[in-house]
Amino acid sequence: MLTCKDATRLMSEAQDRPLSVGEKLQLEVHLAMCRGCSNFREQMNFLRLACRRFMQRRNGDDDGSSPS
């Protein structure tokens, strides 16, 4: 059984590399039982999406596509 520390580490690593089948399974079992880690994953996903959208808008502004 993963600890919360291990689960958050795996969620973070999953941003940079594919998790193995065993890692994914352990993480999903932990997330099914741990509301705190489930909330952490939702927050990570929100922040990743917000950063991605910010960069898209920022890059759109840099190419002169926005009216002044």
C-alpha atoms as a PDB file:
ATOM      1  CA  MET A   1       0.000   0.000   0.000  1.00  0.00           C
ATOM      2  CA  LEU A   2       1.333   3.420  -0.945  1.00  0.00           C
ATOM      3  CA  THR A   3       1.704   6.166   1.611  1.00  0.00           C
ATOM      4  CA  CYS A   4       0.389   9.631   0.779  1.00  0.00           C
ATOM      5  CA  LYS A   5       3.995  10.761   0.340  1.00  0.00           C
ATOM      6  CA  ASP A   6       4.626   7.991  -2.201  1.00  0.00           C
ATOM      7  CA  ALA A   7       1.349   8.696  -3.990  1.00  0.00           C
ATOM      8  CA  THR A   8       2.061  12.422  -4.392  1.00  0.00           C
ATOM      9  CA  ARG A   9       5.579  11.610  -5.602  1.00  0.00           C
ATOM     10  CA  LEU A  10       4.161   9.261  -8.249  1.00  0.00           C
ATOM     11  CA  MET A  11       1.606  11.857  -9.346  1.00  0.00           C
ATOM     12  CA  SER A  12       4.409  14.356  -9.760  1.00  0.00           C
ATOM     13  CA  GLU A  13       6.605  11.887 -11.646  1.00  0.00           C
ATOM     14  CA  ALA A  14       3.691  11.042 -13.940  1.00  0.00           C
ATOM     15  CA  GLN A  15       3.967  14.603 -15.277  1.00  0.00           C
ATOM     16  CA  ASP A  16       7.454  13.786 -16.594  1.00  0.00           C
ATOM     17  CA  ARG A  17       7.360  10.093 -17.452  1.00  0.00           C
ATOM     18  CA  PRO A  18       4.906   7.279 -18.065  1.00  0.00           C
ATOM     19  CA  LEU A  19       4.200   5.239 -14.957  1.00  0.00           C
ATOM     20  CA  SER A  20       4.569   1.483 -15.052  1.00  0.00           C
ATOM     21  CA  VAL A  21       1.456  -0.668 -14.877  1.00  0.00           C
ATOM     22  CA  GLY A  22       2.271  -1.553 -11.266  1.00  0.00           C
ATOM     23  CA  GLU A  23       2.757   2.088 -10.302  1.00  0.00           C
ATOM     24  CA  LYS A  24      -0.525   3.068 -11.958  1.00  0.00           C
ATOM     25  CA  LEU A  25      -2.387   0.265 -10.196  1.00  0.00           C
ATOM     26  CA  GLN A  26      -0.959   1.123  -6.780  1.00  0.00           C
ATOM     27  CA  LEU A  27      -1.726   4.805  -7.321  1.00  0.00           C
ATOM     28  CA  GLU A  28      -5.315   4.164  -8.408  1.00  0.00           C
ATOM     29  CA  VAL A  29      -5.940   1.920  -5.389  1.00  0.00           C
ATOM     30  CA  HIS A  30      -4.559   4.601  -3.087  1.00  0.00           C
ATOM     31  CA  LEU A  31      -6.598   7.346  -4.764  1.00  0.00           C
ATOM     32  CA  ALA A  32      -9.781   5.284  -4.424  1.00  0.00           C
ATOM     33  CA  MET A  33      -9.311   5.288  -0.655  1.00  0.00           C
ATOM     34  CA  CYS A  34      -7.644   8.652   0.032  1.00  0.00           C
ATOM     35  CA  ARG A  35      -9.647  11.836  -0.451  1.00  0.00           C
ATOM     36  CA  GLY A  36      -6.650  14.044   0.366  1.00  0.00           C
ATOM     37  CA  CYS A  37      -4.545  12.612  -2.451  1.00  0.00           C
ATOM     38  CA  SER A  38      -7.529  12.693  -4.815  1.00  0.00           C
ATOM     39  CA  ASN A  39      -7.864  16.408  -4.056  1.00  0.00           C
ATOM     40  CA  PHE A  40      -4.131  16.850  -4.635  1.00  0.00           C
ATOM     41  CA  ARG A  41      -4.429  15.215  -8.067  1.00  0.00           C
ATOM     42  CA  GLU A  42      -7.359  17.456  -8.994  1.00  0.00           C
ATOM     43  CA  GLN A  43      -5.357  20.517  -7.926  1.00  0.00           C
ATOM     44  CA  MET A  44      -2.328  19.388  -9.945  1.00  0.00           C
ATOM     45  CA  ASN A  45      -4.515  18.910 -13.017  1.00  0.00           C
ATOM     46  CA  PHE A  46      -6.098  22.349 -12.535  1.00  0.00           C
ATOM     47  CA  LEU A  47      -2.698  24.039 -12.194  1.00  0.00           C
ATOM     48  CA  ARG A  48      -1.294  22.221 -15.237  1.00  0.00           C
ATOM     49  CA  LEU A  49      -4.267  23.310 -17.342  1.00  0.00           C
ATOM     50  CA  ALA A  50      -4.108  26.892 -16.041  1.00  0.00           C
ATOM     51  CA  CYS A  51      -0.383  27.116 -16.848  1.00  0.00           C
ATOM     52  CA  ARG A  52      -0.919  25.636 -20.300  1.00  0.00           C
ATOM     53  CA  ARG A  53      -3.701  28.142 -21.084  1.00  0.00           C
ATOM     54  CA  PHE A  54      -1.638  31.026 -19.729  1.00  0.00           C
ATOM     55  CA  MET A  55       1.284  30.113 -21.977  1.00  0.00           C
ATOM     56  CA  GLN A  56      -0.985  29.728 -25.000  1.00  0.00           C
ATOM     57  CA  ARG A  57      -2.436  33.192 -24.450  1.00  0.00           C
ATOM     58  CA  ARG A  58       0.969  34.644 -23.712  1.00  0.00           C
ATOM     59  CA  ASN A  59       2.426  33.158 -26.886  1.00  0.00           C
ATOM     60  CA  GLY A  60      -0.586  34.409 -28.853  1.00  0.00           C
ATOM     61  CA  ASP A  61       0.088  37.935 -27.577  1.00  0.00           C
ATOM     62  CA  ASP A  62       3.780  37.734 -28.462  1.00  0.00           C
ATOM     63  CA  ASP A  63       3.149  37.064 -32.156  1.00  0.00           C
ATOM     64  CA  GLY A  64       1.156  40.263 -32.672  1.00  0.00           C
ATOM     65  CA  SER A  65      -2.181  38.502 -33.064  1.00  0.00           C
ATOM     66  CA  SER A  66      -3.852  40.564 -30.312  1.00  0.00           C
ATOM     67  CA  PRO A  67      -5.242  43.970 -31.204  1.00  0.00           C
ATOM     68  CA  SER A  68      -3.639  46.902 -29.394  1.00  0.00           C
END
